[in-house]
C-alpha atoms as a PDB file:
ATOM      1  CA  TYR A   1     145.944  45.816-124.669  1.00  0.00           C
ATOM      2  CA  LEU A   2     148.781  48.576-123.794  1.00  0.00           C
ATOM      3  CA  LYS A   3     150.375  46.003-121.775  1.00  0.00           C
ATOM      4  CA  ILE A   4     150.648  43.644-124.958  1.00  0.00           C
ATOM      5  CA  ALA A   5     154.520  42.947-126.141  1.00  0.00           C
ATOM      6  CA  ILE A   6     156.110  43.514-128.901  1.00  0.00           C
ATOM      7  CA  PRO A   7     158.291  40.535-130.400  1.00  0.00           C
ATOM      8  CA  ASP A   8     161.920  40.340-129.765  1.00  0.00           C
ATOM      9  CA  GLY A   9     163.511  41.260-132.914  1.00  0.00           C
ATOM     10  CA  PHE A  10     160.276  43.233-133.876  1.00  0.00           C
ATOM     11  CA  ASP A  11     160.898  44.811-137.958  1.00  0.00           C
ATOM     12  CA  PHE A  12     159.057  48.574-137.407  1.00  0.00           C
ATOM     13  CA  THR A  13     159.845  49.995-140.539  1.00  0.00           C
ATOM     14  CA  GLY A  14     157.609  47.206-141.808  1.00  0.00           C
ATOM     15  CA  VAL A  15     154.478  48.888-140.232  1.00  0.00           C
ATOM     16  CA  SER A  16     153.304  51.465-142.449  1.00  0.00           C
ATOM     17  CA  GLY A  17     151.547  54.401-141.325  1.00  0.00           C
ATOM     18  CA  LEU A  18     154.679  55.069-138.464  1.00  0.00           C
ATOM     19  CA  SER A  19     156.551  57.567-140.115  1.00  0.00           C
ATOM     20  CA  LYS A  20     160.774  57.234-140.329  1.00  0.00           C
ATOM     21  CA  GLU A  21     161.081  59.088-137.247  1.00  0.00           C
ATOM     22  CA  VAL A  22     158.127  56.949-135.501  1.00  0.00           C
ATOM     23  CA  GLN A  23     160.023  53.676-137.001  1.00  0.00           C
ATOM     24  CA  GLU A  24     164.044  54.976-135.826  1.00  0.00           C
ATOM     25  CA  LYS A  25     162.323  55.175-131.878  1.00  0.00           C
ATOM     26  CA  LEU A  26     160.690  52.037-131.874  1.00  0.00           C
ATOM     27  CA  LYS A  27     163.489  50.751-133.191  1.00  0.00           C
ATOM     28  CA  SER A  28     166.154  52.552-131.392  1.00  0.00           C
ATOM     29  CA  PHE A  29     164.548  52.325-128.012  1.00  0.00           C
ATOM     30  CA  ALA A  30     163.174  48.425-128.515  1.00  0.00           C
ATOM     31  CA  PRO A  31     160.047  48.685-126.017  1.00  0.00           C
ATOM     32  CA  PRO A  32     159.167  45.188-124.115  1.00  0.00           C
ATOM     33  CA  THR A  33     155.848  46.942-124.489  1.00  0.00           C
ATOM     34  CA  LEU A  34     152.941  48.575-125.826  1.00  0.00           C
ATOM     35  CA  GLN A  35     152.876  50.818-122.745  1.00  0.00           C
ATOM     36  CA  ALA A  36     156.804  50.947-122.741  1.00  0.00           C
ATOM     37  CA  ALA A  37     156.145  51.897-126.345  1.00  0.00           C
ATOM     38  CA  MET A  38     153.383  54.484-125.021  1.00  0.00           C
ATOM     39  CA  ASN A  39     156.103  56.157-123.087  1.00  0.00           C
ATOM     40  CA  ILE A  40     158.389  57.364-125.605  1.00  0.00           C
ATOM     41  CA  SER A  41     158.308  60.889-126.867  1.00  0.00           C
ATOM     42  CA  GLY A  42     157.127  61.571-129.700  1.00  0.00           C
ATOM     43  CA  ILE A  43     155.017  57.928-129.996  1.00  0.00           C
ATOM     44  CA  THR A  44     151.277  59.221-130.585  1.00  0.00           C
ATOM     45  CA  PRO A  45     147.877  56.964-129.537  1.00  0.00           C
ATOM     46  CA  ALA A  46     147.620  56.226-133.333  1.00  0.00           C
ATOM     47  CA  ALA A  47     151.094  55.103-133.605  1.00  0.00           C
ATOM     48  CA  ILE A  48     150.172  52.506-130.661  1.00  0.00           C
ATOM     49  CA  GLU A  49     147.068  51.465-132.706  1.00  0.00           C
ATOM     50  CA  ILE A  50     148.797  50.777-135.738  1.00  0.00           C
ATOM     51  CA  LEU A  51     151.863  48.870-133.459  1.00  0.00           C
ATOM     52  CA  HIS A  52     149.397  47.438-131.565  1.00  0.00           C
ATOM     53  CA  ILE A  53     147.285  46.219-135.542  1.00  0.00           C
ATOM     54  CA  TYR A  54     150.840  45.558-137.141  1.00  0.00           C
ATOM     55  CA  ILE A  55     151.920  42.756-133.752  1.00  0.00           C
ATOM     56  CA  LYS A  56     148.122  41.454-133.375  1.00  0.00           C
ATOM     57  CA  ILE A  57     148.737  40.252-137.237  1.00  0.00           C
ATOM     58  CA  ALA A  58     152.399  38.635-136.838  1.00  0.00           C
ATOM     59  CA  ALA A  59     151.283  36.775-133.829  1.00  0.00           C
ATOM     60  CA  ARG A  60     148.435  35.318-135.768  1.00  0.00           C
ATOM     61  CA  ASP A  61     150.506  34.498-138.661  1.00  0.00           C
ATOM     62  CA  VAL A  62     152.978  32.769-136.815  1.00  0.00           C
ATOM     63  CA  LYS A  63     149.999  30.574-135.446  1.00  0.00           C
END
């Protein structure tokens, strides 16, 4: 699942469960995939799981 793309313009601030620090890092780096997000210092596996769930929900809502 780490190869899952993070949509362009994804609003990390709308992801509850992520700390403000993590939200700011993700917004700043704008990683293209969950794997890239995981490689950012300070991003925990738990944050990746939360992000994964939100991306799945966002994809489902678009359909």
